[in-house]
Amino acid sequence: MTTIDAGGSAEPASGAVGSGVVIEELRADCGRCAGLCCVAPAFARSSDFAVDKPAGQACANLQQDFRCGIHAELRSSGFAGCTVFDCFGAGQQVVQVTFGGADWRATPGIAQDMFAAFSTMRRLHELRWYLTEALARDEATTLHADLAALLAETVELCAGDAASLAEIDVAGHRETVNALLVRTGELVRAAAPGRSLNRRGADLVGKRLRRADLRGANLRGALLIGADLREADLRRAELIGADLRGADLRGADLTGALFLTQFQVNAVRGDAATRLPSRVSVPGHW
């Protein structure tokens, strides 16, 4: 689900570092992309995708204007995976910045470089998302200088051309970032009341956790596929790398949950009573 290795709170103030325009840059803007998520990655026929599609081949539902021909019926047509995917704004960054507004249809010669750049950019933008959130947490004030330096470095990497993107050691950079994110998680979770649960990397598939007190829980990389988390309290819980596909979060409280992404939220079952951090949006299919 994510590129990071898994191994009673309030939301940050609206003026905090990491809010506003910075987060907006990390939200997918399909109108400024060129359908990259519908072309670059491979699809495997499954409960998420109705067909097999090799990497680099356009989905049959992608129209000439780069819009999806079945967007309103994706889930009922067997393409639930498309409603879950999030590129963290990498698509528009690659098209508008890396390639200066060019697209792979009008200029076929750039296709492979553009698709490769998209893969790298998505991983970098995900790191930007986590670093931006970490900077917004008051609990991690002692780390803010280091976090800001790493964020600036990551933003600079994203600004490079296709050739420089191809040379980036994303795995190495991710390890450096992750070391600081681990420390951020420790500080945030330590601020939660009571004794916090440590289930890092745990197999909690289908687990019954309804109304569980998971405040400050370490759920890094936990497998929560299909778990019953209805009305659970997940404030200040760390969710980086947690696999939440199909988890039932109806009525759950995730305000202040750490490192929760739109990608994860899109994959769960929620309702009007589910409380989310302001940085993520309520999926249209809830």
C-alpha atoms as a PDB file:
ATOM      1  CA  MET A   1       0.000   0.000   0.000  1.00  0.00           C
ATOM      2  CA  THR A   2       2.839   2.426   0.719  1.00  0.00           C
ATOM      3  CA  THR A   3       6.499   2.806   0.047  1.00  0.00           C
ATOM      4  CA  ILE A   4       7.496   3.120   3.686  1.00  0.00           C
ATOM      5  CA  ASP A   5       8.898   0.032   5.415  1.00  0.00           C
ATOM      6  CA  ALA A   6       6.533  -0.995   8.190  1.00  0.00           C
ATOM      7  CA  GLY A   7       8.522  -2.560  10.825  1.00  0.00           C
ATOM      8  CA  GLY A   8      -7.375  12.145  22.779  1.00  0.00           C
ATOM      9  CA  SER A   9      -5.726  14.406  20.106  1.00  0.00           C
ATOM     10  CA  ALA A  10      -6.578  17.426  18.065  1.00  0.00           C
ATOM     11  CA  GLU A  11      -5.769  18.318  14.496  1.00  0.00           C
ATOM     12  CA  PRO A  12      -2.833  20.706  13.941  1.00  0.00           C
ATOM     13  CA  ALA A  13      -3.833  24.346  13.697  1.00  0.00           C
ATOM     14  CA  SER A  14      -4.837  25.430  10.211  1.00  0.00           C
ATOM     15  CA  GLY A  15      -1.846  27.741  10.023  1.00  0.00           C
ATOM     16  CA  ALA A  16       0.672  25.037  10.900  1.00  0.00           C
ATOM     17  CA  VAL A  17       3.491  24.046   8.599  1.00  0.00           C
ATOM     18  CA  GLY A  18       2.225  21.377   6.258  1.00  0.00           C
ATOM     19  CA  SER A  19      -1.253  22.744   5.733  1.00  0.00           C
ATOM     20  CA  GLY A  20      -2.869  24.712   2.946  1.00  0.00           C
ATOM     21  CA  VAL A  21      -1.140  25.035  -0.407  1.00  0.00           C
ATOM     22  CA  VAL A  22       1.623  22.566   0.457  1.00  0.00           C
ATOM     23  CA  ILE A  23      -0.863  19.744   0.977  1.00  0.00           C
ATOM     24  CA  GLU A  24      -2.842  20.836  -2.095  1.00  0.00           C
ATOM     25  CA  GLU A  25       0.241  20.245  -4.235  1.00  0.00           C
ATOM     26  CA  LEU A  26       0.163  16.640  -3.055  1.00  0.00           C
ATOM     27  CA  ARG A  27      -3.442  16.014  -4.068  1.00  0.00           C
ATOM     28  CA  ALA A  28      -4.160  14.428  -7.440  1.00  0.00           C
ATOM     29  CA  ASP A  29      -5.377  16.892 -10.063  1.00  0.00           C
ATOM     30  CA  CYS A  30      -6.456  14.666 -12.944  1.00  0.00           C
ATOM     31  CA  GLY A  31      -7.304  17.662 -15.109  1.00  0.00           C
ATOM     32  CA  ARG A  32      -3.625  18.620 -15.235  1.00  0.00           C
ATOM     33  CA  CYS A  33      -2.356  15.080 -15.806  1.00  0.00           C
ATOM     34  CA  ALA A  34      -2.405  12.882 -18.916  1.00  0.00           C
ATOM     35  CA  GLY A  35      -4.034   9.752 -17.572  1.00  0.00           C
ATOM     36  CA  LEU A  36      -0.706   8.405 -16.286  1.00  0.00           C
ATOM     37  CA  CYS A  37      -2.274   6.157 -13.651  1.00  0.00           C
ATOM     38  CA  CYS A  38      -4.396   4.616 -16.425  1.00  0.00           C
ATOM     39  CA  VAL A  39      -1.341   3.777 -18.531  1.00  0.00           C
ATOM     40  CA  ALA A  40       1.905   3.460 -16.589  1.00  0.00           C
ATOM     41  CA  PRO A  41       1.060   0.739 -14.018  1.00  0.00           C
ATOM     42  CA  ALA A  42      -0.005  -2.810 -14.777  1.00  0.00           C
ATOM     43  CA  PHE A  43      -3.442  -4.133 -13.773  1.00  0.00           C
ATOM     44  CA  ALA A  44      -4.012  -7.746 -12.730  1.00  0.00           C
ATOM     45  CA  ARG A  45      -7.483  -9.229 -13.140  1.00  0.00           C
ATOM     46  CA  SER A  46      -8.843  -9.483  -9.601  1.00  0.00           C
ATOM     47  CA  SER A  47     -11.540  -8.113  -7.335  1.00  0.00           C
ATOM     48  CA  ASP A  48      -9.957  -4.690  -7.961  1.00  0.00           C
ATOM     49  CA  PHE A  49      -9.668  -4.828 -11.744  1.00  0.00           C
ATOM     50  CA  ALA A  50     -11.910  -6.491 -14.315  1.00  0.00           C
ATOM     51  CA  VAL A  51      -9.089  -7.060 -16.794  1.00  0.00           C
ATOM     52  CA  ASP A  52      -5.374  -7.676 -17.107  1.00  0.00           C
ATOM     53  CA  LYS A  53      -3.419  -4.688 -18.418  1.00  0.00           C
ATOM     54  CA  PRO A  54       0.350  -4.623 -18.954  1.00  0.00           C
ATOM     55  CA  ALA A  55       2.398  -1.665 -17.778  1.00  0.00           C
ATOM     56  CA  GLY A  56       2.685   1.076 -20.386  1.00  0.00           C
ATOM     57  CA  GLN A  57      -0.538   0.163 -22.185  1.00  0.00           C
ATOM     58  CA  ALA A  58      -3.514   2.503 -21.923  1.00  0.00           C
ATOM     59  CA  CYS A  59      -6.620   1.180 -20.210  1.00  0.00           C
ATOM     60  CA  ALA A  60      -9.415   0.584 -22.730  1.00  0.00           C
ATOM     61  CA  ASN A  61     -11.600   2.994 -20.756  1.00  0.00           C
ATOM     62  CA  LEU A  62      -9.208   5.929 -21.164  1.00  0.00           C
ATOM     63  CA  GLN A  63     -10.617   8.468 -23.619  1.00  0.00           C
ATOM     64  CA  GLN A  64      -8.713  10.749 -25.974  1.00  0.00           C
ATOM     65  CA  ASP A  65      -9.076  13.674 -23.579  1.00  0.00           C
ATOM     66  CA  PHE A  66      -7.469  11.547 -20.828  1.00  0.00           C
ATOM     67  CA  ARG A  67     -10.737  11.178 -18.967  1.00  0.00           C
ATOM     68  CA  CYS A  68     -12.162   7.845 -17.838  1.00  0.00           C
ATOM     69  CA  GLY A  69     -15.112   6.706 -19.927  1.00  0.00           C
ATOM     70  CA  ILE A  70     -16.680   4.811 -17.007  1.00  0.00           C
ATOM     71  CA  HIS A  71     -15.666   7.067 -14.133  1.00  0.00           C
ATOM     72  CA  ALA A  72     -19.135   7.144 -12.588  1.00  0.00           C
ATOM     73  CA  GLU A  73     -19.456   3.352 -12.803  1.00  0.00           C
ATOM     74  CA  LEU A  74     -15.936   2.228 -11.914  1.00  0.00           C
ATOM     75  CA  ARG A  75     -16.874   0.154  -8.879  1.00  0.00           C
ATOM     76  CA  SER A  76     -19.926  -1.457 -10.460  1.00  0.00           C
ATOM     77  CA  SER A  77     -17.860  -2.209 -13.588  1.00  0.00           C
ATOM     78  CA  GLY A  78     -15.202  -4.140 -11.681  1.00  0.00           C
ATOM     79  CA  PHE A  79     -12.600  -1.366 -11.378  1.00  0.00           C
ATOM     80  CA  ALA A  80     -12.754  -0.664  -7.650  1.00  0.00           C
ATOM     81  CA  GLY A  81      -8.961  -0.437  -7.633  1.00  0.00           C
ATOM     82  CA  CYS A  82      -9.149   2.747  -9.670  1.00  0.00           C
ATOM     83  CA  THR A  83     -11.268   4.435  -7.001  1.00  0.00           C
ATOM     84  CA  VAL A  84      -8.682   3.575  -4.356  1.00  0.00           C
ATOM     85  CA  PHE A  85      -5.494   4.662  -6.134  1.00  0.00           C
ATOM     86  CA  ASP A  86      -3.943   8.012  -5.281  1.00  0.00           C
ATOM     87  CA  CYS A  87      -0.796   9.452  -6.877  1.00  0.00           C
ATOM     88  CA  PHE A  88      -0.145  12.158  -4.243  1.00  0.00           C
ATOM     89  CA  GLY A  89      -0.118  14.745  -7.035  1.00  0.00           C
ATOM     90  CA  ALA A  90       2.701  13.029  -8.917  1.00  0.00           C
ATOM     91  CA  GLY A  91       0.723  12.941 -12.172  1.00  0.00           C
ATOM     92  CA  GLN A  92       0.379  16.664 -12.648  1.00  0.00           C
ATOM     93  CA  GLN A  93       3.951  17.229 -11.435  1.00  0.00           C
ATOM     94  CA  VAL A  94       5.347  14.918 -14.117  1.00  0.00           C
ATOM     95  CA  VAL A  95       3.199  16.300 -16.936  1.00  0.00           C
ATOM     96  CA  GLN A  96       3.307  20.000 -16.085  1.00  0.00           C
ATOM     97  CA  VAL A  97       6.793  20.334 -14.561  1.00  0.00           C
ATOM     98  CA  THR A  98       9.021  17.427 -15.561  1.00  0.00           C
ATOM     99  CA  PHE A  99       7.793  17.421 -19.172  1.00  0.00           C
ATOM    100  CA  GLY A 100       6.641  21.033 -19.436  1.00  0.00           C
ATOM    101  CA  GLY A 101       3.046  20.262 -20.378  1.00  0.00           C
ATOM    102  CA  ALA A 102       3.806  17.614 -23.031  1.00  0.00           C
ATOM    103  CA  ASP A 103       1.903  14.329 -23.075  1.00  0.00           C
ATOM    104  CA  TRP A 104       2.700  10.801 -24.224  1.00  0.00           C
ATOM    105  CA  ARG A 105       0.015  10.733 -26.926  1.00  0.00           C
ATOM    106  CA  ALA A 106       1.030  13.916 -28.710  1.00  0.00           C
ATOM    107  CA  THR A 107       4.723  13.056 -28.289  1.00  0.00           C
ATOM    108  CA  PRO A 108       5.012   9.240 -28.283  1.00  0.00           C
ATOM    109  CA  GLY A 109       8.779   9.384 -28.015  1.00  0.00           C
ATOM    110  CA  ILE A 110       8.609  10.539 -24.394  1.00  0.00           C
ATOM    111  CA  ALA A 111       6.164   7.846 -23.269  1.00  0.00           C
ATOM    112  CA  GLN A 112       8.552   5.435 -21.564  1.00  0.00           C
ATOM    113  CA  ASP A 113      10.520   8.205 -19.863  1.00  0.00           C
ATOM    114  CA  MET A 114       7.280   9.794 -18.687  1.00  0.00           C
ATOM    115  CA  PHE A 115       5.955   6.530 -17.260  1.00  0.00           C
ATOM    116  CA  ALA A 116       9.237   5.858 -15.454  1.00  0.00           C
ATOM    117  CA  ALA A 117       9.256   9.399 -14.083  1.00  0.00           C
ATOM    118  CA  PHE A 118       5.699   8.923 -12.805  1.00  0.00           C
ATOM    119  CA  SER A 119       6.707   5.847 -10.815  1.00  0.00           C
ATOM    120  CA  THR A 120       9.608   7.677  -9.190  1.00  0.00           C
ATOM    121  CA  MET A 121       7.633  10.856  -8.619  1.00  0.00           C
ATOM    122  CA  ARG A 122       4.789   9.061  -6.876  1.00  0.00           C
ATOM    123  CA  ARG A 123       7.187   7.571  -4.333  1.00  0.00           C
ATOM    124  CA  LEU A 124       8.833  10.939  -3.747  1.00  0.00           C
ATOM    125  CA  HIS A 125       5.493  12.707  -3.369  1.00  0.00           C
ATOM    126  CA  GLU A 126       4.393  10.135  -0.830  1.00  0.00           C
ATOM    127  CA  LEU A 127       7.484  10.961   1.210  1.00  0.00           C
ATOM    128  CA  ARG A 128       6.637  14.652   0.868  1.00  0.00           C
ATOM    129  CA  TRP A 129       3.171  13.888   2.253  1.00  0.00           C
ATOM    130  CA  TYR A 130       4.604  12.218   5.360  1.00  0.00           C
ATOM    131  CA  LEU A 131       7.276  14.863   5.931  1.00  0.00           C
ATOM    132  CA  THR A 132       4.730  17.645   5.524  1.00  0.00           C
ATOM    133  CA  GLU A 133       2.459  16.049   8.090  1.00  0.00           C
ATOM    134  CA  ALA A 134       5.340  15.417  10.503  1.00  0.00           C
ATOM    135  CA  LEU A 135       6.203  19.125  10.340  1.00  0.00           C
ATOM    136  CA  ALA A 136       2.632  19.984  11.321  1.00  0.00           C
ATOM    137  CA  ARG A 137       2.798  17.964  14.534  1.00  0.00           C
ATOM    138  CA  ASP A 138       3.546  19.976  17.645  1.00  0.00           C
ATOM    139  CA  GLU A 139       4.661  16.785  19.389  1.00  0.00           C
ATOM    140  CA  ALA A 140       7.630  16.572  16.997  1.00  0.00           C
ATOM    141  CA  THR A 141       8.864  20.151  17.427  1.00  0.00           C
ATOM    142  CA  THR A 142      12.361  18.950  18.356  1.00  0.00           C
ATOM    143  CA  LEU A 143      12.622  17.278  14.943  1.00  0.00           C
ATOM    144  CA  HIS A 144      11.216  20.116  12.842  1.00  0.00           C
ATOM    145  CA  ALA A 145      14.588  21.450  11.655  1.00  0.00           C
ATOM    146  CA  ASP A 146      15.690  18.035  10.395  1.00  0.00           C
ATOM    147  CA  LEU A 147      12.274  17.323   8.907  1.00  0.00           C
ATOM    148  CA  ALA A 148      12.248  20.660   7.091  1.00  0.00           C
ATOM    149  CA  ALA A 149      15.705  20.016   5.655  1.00  0.00           C
ATOM    150  CA  LEU A 150      14.666  16.602   4.356  1.00  0.00           C
ATOM    151  CA  LEU A 151      11.453  18.010   2.925  1.00  0.00           C
ATOM    152  CA  ALA A 152      13.383  20.702   1.068  1.00  0.00           C
ATOM    153  CA  GLU A 153      15.736  18.060  -0.293  1.00  0.00           C
ATOM    154  CA  THR A 154      12.816  15.923  -1.436  1.00  0.00           C
ATOM    155  CA  VAL A 155      11.114  18.872  -3.132  1.00  0.00           C
ATOM    156  CA  GLU A 156      14.368  19.620  -4.954  1.00  0.00           C
ATOM    157  CA  LEU A 157      14.564  16.032  -6.178  1.00  0.00           C
ATOM    158  CA  CYS A 158      11.022  16.324  -7.527  1.00  0.00           C
ATOM    159  CA  ALA A 159      11.962  19.411  -9.533  1.00  0.00           C
ATOM    160  CA  GLY A 160      14.509  17.572 -11.671  1.00  0.00           C
ATOM    161  CA  ASP A 161      14.131  16.507 -15.293  1.00  0.00           C
ATOM    162  CA  ALA A 162      13.424  12.946 -16.414  1.00  0.00           C
ATOM    163  CA  ALA A 163      17.112  12.048 -16.626  1.00  0.00           C
ATOM    164  CA  SER A 164      17.858  13.233 -13.084  1.00  0.00           C
ATOM    165  CA  LEU A 165      14.782  11.463 -11.735  1.00  0.00           C
ATOM    166  CA  ALA A 166      16.052   8.222 -13.246  1.00  0.00           C
ATOM    167  CA  GLU A 167      19.285   8.573 -11.269  1.00  0.00           C
ATOM    168  CA  ILE A 168      17.673   9.029  -7.854  1.00  0.00           C
ATOM    169  CA  ASP A 169      18.254   6.342  -5.261  1.00  0.00           C
ATOM    170  CA  VAL A 170      14.668   6.424  -4.020  1.00  0.00           C
ATOM    171  CA  ALA A 171      15.151   3.465  -1.681  1.00  0.00           C
ATOM    172  CA  GLY A 172      18.132   5.114  -0.021  1.00  0.00           C
ATOM    173  CA  HIS A 173      16.341   8.430   0.330  1.00  0.00           C
ATOM    174  CA  ARG A 174      13.309   6.642   1.732  1.00  0.00           C
ATOM    175  CA  GLU A 175      15.448   5.028   4.444  1.00  0.00           C
ATOM    176  CA  THR A 176      16.769   8.422   5.501  1.00  0.00           C
ATOM    177  CA  VAL A 177      13.270   9.876   5.629  1.00  0.00           C
ATOM    178  CA  ASN A 178      11.858   6.861   7.418  1.00  0.00           C
ATOM    179  CA  ALA A 179      14.361   7.168  10.254  1.00  0.00           C
ATOM    180  CA  LEU A 180      12.929  10.603  11.080  1.00  0.00           C
ATOM    181  CA  LEU A 181       9.350   9.437  10.606  1.00  0.00           C
ATOM    182  CA  VAL A 182       9.913   6.643  13.122  1.00  0.00           C
ATOM    183  CA  ARG A 183      11.109   9.197  15.670  1.00  0.00           C
ATOM    184  CA  THR A 184       8.112  11.410  14.851  1.00  0.00           C
ATOM    185  CA  GLY A 185       5.790   8.498  15.478  1.00  0.00           C
ATOM    186  CA  GLU A 186       7.366   7.795  18.847  1.00  0.00           C
ATOM    187  CA  LEU A 187       6.841  11.392  19.957  1.00  0.00           C
ATOM    188  CA  VAL A 188       3.237  11.584  18.750  1.00  0.00           C
ATOM    189  CA  ARG A 189       2.244   8.262  20.265  1.00  0.00           C
ATOM    190  CA  ALA A 190       3.905   9.117  23.566  1.00  0.00           C
ATOM    191  CA  ALA A 191       1.485  12.036  23.924  1.00  0.00           C
ATOM    192  CA  ALA A 192      -1.545   9.735  23.920  1.00  0.00           C
ATOM    193  CA  PRO A 193      -3.126   8.964  27.302  1.00  0.00           C
ATOM    194  CA  GLY A 194      -2.593   5.607  28.958  1.00  0.00           C
ATOM    195  CA  ARG A 195      -0.503   2.719  27.757  1.00  0.00           C
ATOM    196  CA  SER A 196      -0.329   2.533  23.966  1.00  0.00           C
ATOM    197  CA  LEU A 197      -0.667  -0.760  22.119  1.00  0.00           C
ATOM    198  CA  ASN A 198       2.288  -1.859  19.978  1.00  0.00           C
ATOM    199  CA  ARG A 199       1.069  -3.936  17.035  1.00  0.00           C
ATOM    200  CA  ARG A 200       3.660  -2.891  14.494  1.00  0.00           C
ATOM    201  CA  GLY A 201       3.516  -5.256  11.517  1.00  0.00           C
ATOM    202  CA  ALA A 202       0.915  -7.432  13.248  1.00  0.00           C
ATOM    203  CA  ASP A 203      -1.450  -9.721  11.357  1.00  0.00           C
ATOM    204  CA  LEU A 204      -4.849  -8.322  12.298  1.00  0.00           C
ATOM    205  CA  VAL A 205      -6.679  -9.470   9.183  1.00  0.00           C
ATOM    206  CA  GLY A 206     -10.400  -9.683   9.942  1.00  0.00           C
ATOM    207  CA  LYS A 207      -9.769  -8.877  13.615  1.00  0.00           C
ATOM    208  CA  ARG A 208     -12.740  -7.775  15.704  1.00  0.00           C
ATOM    209  CA  LEU A 209     -11.701  -4.423  17.135  1.00  0.00           C
ATOM    210  CA  ARG A 210     -15.047  -2.717  17.421  1.00  0.00           C
ATOM    211  CA  ARG A 211     -14.956   0.171  19.925  1.00  0.00           C
ATOM    212  CA  ALA A 212     -11.309  -0.637  20.698  1.00  0.00           C
ATOM    213  CA  ASP A 213      -9.254   2.035  22.438  1.00  0.00           C
ATOM    214  CA  LEU A 214      -6.358   2.365  19.982  1.00  0.00           C
ATOM    215  CA  ARG A 215      -5.257   5.843  20.965  1.00  0.00           C
ATOM    216  CA  GLY A 216      -1.533   6.154  20.312  1.00  0.00           C
ATOM    217  CA  ALA A 217      -1.319   2.586  19.010  1.00  0.00           C
ATOM    218  CA  ASN A 218       1.659   1.649  16.855  1.00  0.00           C
ATOM    219  CA  LEU A 219       0.017   0.111  13.792  1.00  0.00           C
ATOM    220  CA  ARG A 220       2.939   0.623  11.404  1.00  0.00           C
ATOM    221  CA  GLY A 221       2.638  -1.922   8.623  1.00  0.00           C
ATOM    222  CA  ALA A 222      -0.140  -3.799  10.403  1.00  0.00           C
ATOM    223  CA  LEU A 223      -2.365  -5.994   8.248  1.00  0.00           C
ATOM    224  CA  LEU A 224      -5.870  -4.764   8.990  1.00  0.00           C
ATOM    225  CA  ILE A 225      -7.544  -6.099   5.850  1.00  0.00           C
ATOM    226  CA  GLY A 226     -11.240  -6.572   6.554  1.00  0.00           C
ATOM    227  CA  ALA A 227     -10.819  -5.714  10.237  1.00  0.00           C
ATOM    228  CA  ASP A 228     -13.865  -4.561  12.199  1.00  0.00           C
ATOM    229  CA  LEU A 229     -12.843  -1.139  13.516  1.00  0.00           C
ATOM    230  CA  ARG A 230     -16.320   0.292  13.890  1.00  0.00           C
ATOM    231  CA  GLU A 231     -16.401   3.079  16.481  1.00  0.00           C
ATOM    232  CA  ALA A 232     -12.752   2.447  17.361  1.00  0.00           C
ATOM    233  CA  ASP A 233     -10.722   5.324  18.819  1.00  0.00           C
ATOM    234  CA  LEU A 234      -7.632   5.777  16.621  1.00  0.00           C
ATOM    235  CA  ARG A 235      -6.592   9.242  17.726  1.00  0.00           C
ATOM    236  CA  ARG A 236      -2.784   9.601  17.592  1.00  0.00           C
ATOM    237  CA  ALA A 237      -2.505   6.038  16.257  1.00  0.00           C
ATOM    238  CA  GLU A 238       0.352   5.622  13.768  1.00  0.00           C
ATOM    239  CA  LEU A 239      -0.903   4.130  10.505  1.00  0.00           C
ATOM    240  CA  ILE A 240       2.016   4.421   8.114  1.00  0.00           C
ATOM    241  CA  GLY A 241       2.138   1.348   5.895  1.00  0.00           C
ATOM    242  CA  ALA A 242      -0.975  -0.181   7.489  1.00  0.00           C
ATOM    243  CA  ASP A 243      -3.013  -2.226   5.009  1.00  0.00           C
ATOM    244  CA  LEU A 244      -6.585  -1.092   5.605  1.00  0.00           C
ATOM    245  CA  ARG A 245      -8.229  -2.581   2.533  1.00  0.00           C
ATOM    246  CA  GLY A 246     -11.822  -3.447   3.302  1.00  0.00           C
ATOM    247  CA  ALA A 247     -11.523  -2.460   6.972  1.00  0.00           C
ATOM    248  CA  ASP A 248     -14.795  -1.272   8.480  1.00  0.00           C
ATOM    249  CA  LEU A 249     -14.230   2.175   9.994  1.00  0.00           C
ATOM    250  CA  ARG A 250     -17.830   3.278  10.299  1.00  0.00           C
ATOM    251  CA  GLY A 251     -18.121   5.575  13.288  1.00  0.00           C
ATOM    252  CA  ALA A 252     -14.387   5.399  14.019  1.00  0.00           C
ATOM    253  CA  ASP A 253     -12.435   8.432  15.224  1.00  0.00           C
ATOM    254  CA  LEU A 254      -9.230   9.027  13.269  1.00  0.00           C
ATOM    255  CA  THR A 255      -8.780  12.712  14.096  1.00  0.00           C
ATOM    256  CA  GLY A 256      -5.112  13.215  14.809  1.00  0.00           C
ATOM    257  CA  ALA A 257      -4.198   9.763  13.449  1.00  0.00           C
ATOM    258  CA  LEU A 258      -0.607   9.883  12.204  1.00  0.00           C
ATOM    259  CA  PHE A 259       0.472   9.322   8.600  1.00  0.00           C
ATOM    260  CA  LEU A 260      -2.962   8.383   7.284  1.00  0.00           C
ATOM    261  CA  THR A 261      -3.123   8.827   3.499  1.00  0.00           C
ATOM    262  CA  GLN A 262      -5.942   9.319   1.029  1.00  0.00           C
ATOM    263  CA  PHE A 263      -4.865   6.020  -0.520  1.00  0.00           C
ATOM    264  CA  GLN A 264      -5.672   4.217   2.737  1.00  0.00           C
ATOM    265  CA  VAL A 265      -8.928   6.093   3.339  1.00  0.00           C
ATOM    266  CA  ASN A 266     -10.153   5.264  -0.158  1.00  0.00           C
ATOM    267  CA  ALA A 267      -9.723   1.568   0.583  1.00  0.00           C
ATOM    268  CA  VAL A 268     -11.840   1.368   3.753  1.00  0.00           C
ATOM    269  CA  ARG A 269     -15.536   1.297   4.520  1.00  0.00           C
ATOM    270  CA  GLY A 270     -16.690   4.445   6.282  1.00  0.00           C
ATOM    271  CA  ASP A 271     -19.792   6.510   6.829  1.00  0.00           C
ATOM    272  CA  ALA A 272     -20.951   9.965   7.864  1.00  0.00           C
ATOM    273  CA  ALA A 273     -19.967   9.222  11.467  1.00  0.00           C
ATOM    274  CA  THR A 274     -16.356   8.397  10.589  1.00  0.00           C
ATOM    275  CA  ARG A 275     -14.116  11.222  11.782  1.00  0.00           C
ATOM    276  CA  LEU A 276     -11.117  11.898   9.557  1.00  0.00           C
ATOM    277  CA  PRO A 277      -8.123  14.243   9.731  1.00  0.00           C
ATOM    278  CA  SER A 278      -8.726  17.422   7.724  1.00  0.00           C
ATOM    279  CA  ARG A 279      -5.898  16.607   5.315  1.00  0.00           C
ATOM    280  CA  VAL A 280      -7.830  13.694   3.768  1.00  0.00           C
ATOM    281  CA  SER A 281     -11.205  13.767   2.033  1.00  0.00           C
ATOM    282  CA  VAL A 282     -14.295  11.609   2.378  1.00  0.00           C
ATOM    283  CA  PRO A 283     -14.325   9.205  -0.611  1.00  0.00           C
ATOM    284  CA  GLY A 284     -17.270   9.541  -2.950  1.00  0.00           C
ATOM    285  CA  HIS A 285     -18.094   5.830  -2.715  1.00  0.00           C
ATOM    286  CA  TRP A 286     -18.713   5.788   1.072  1.00  0.00           C
END
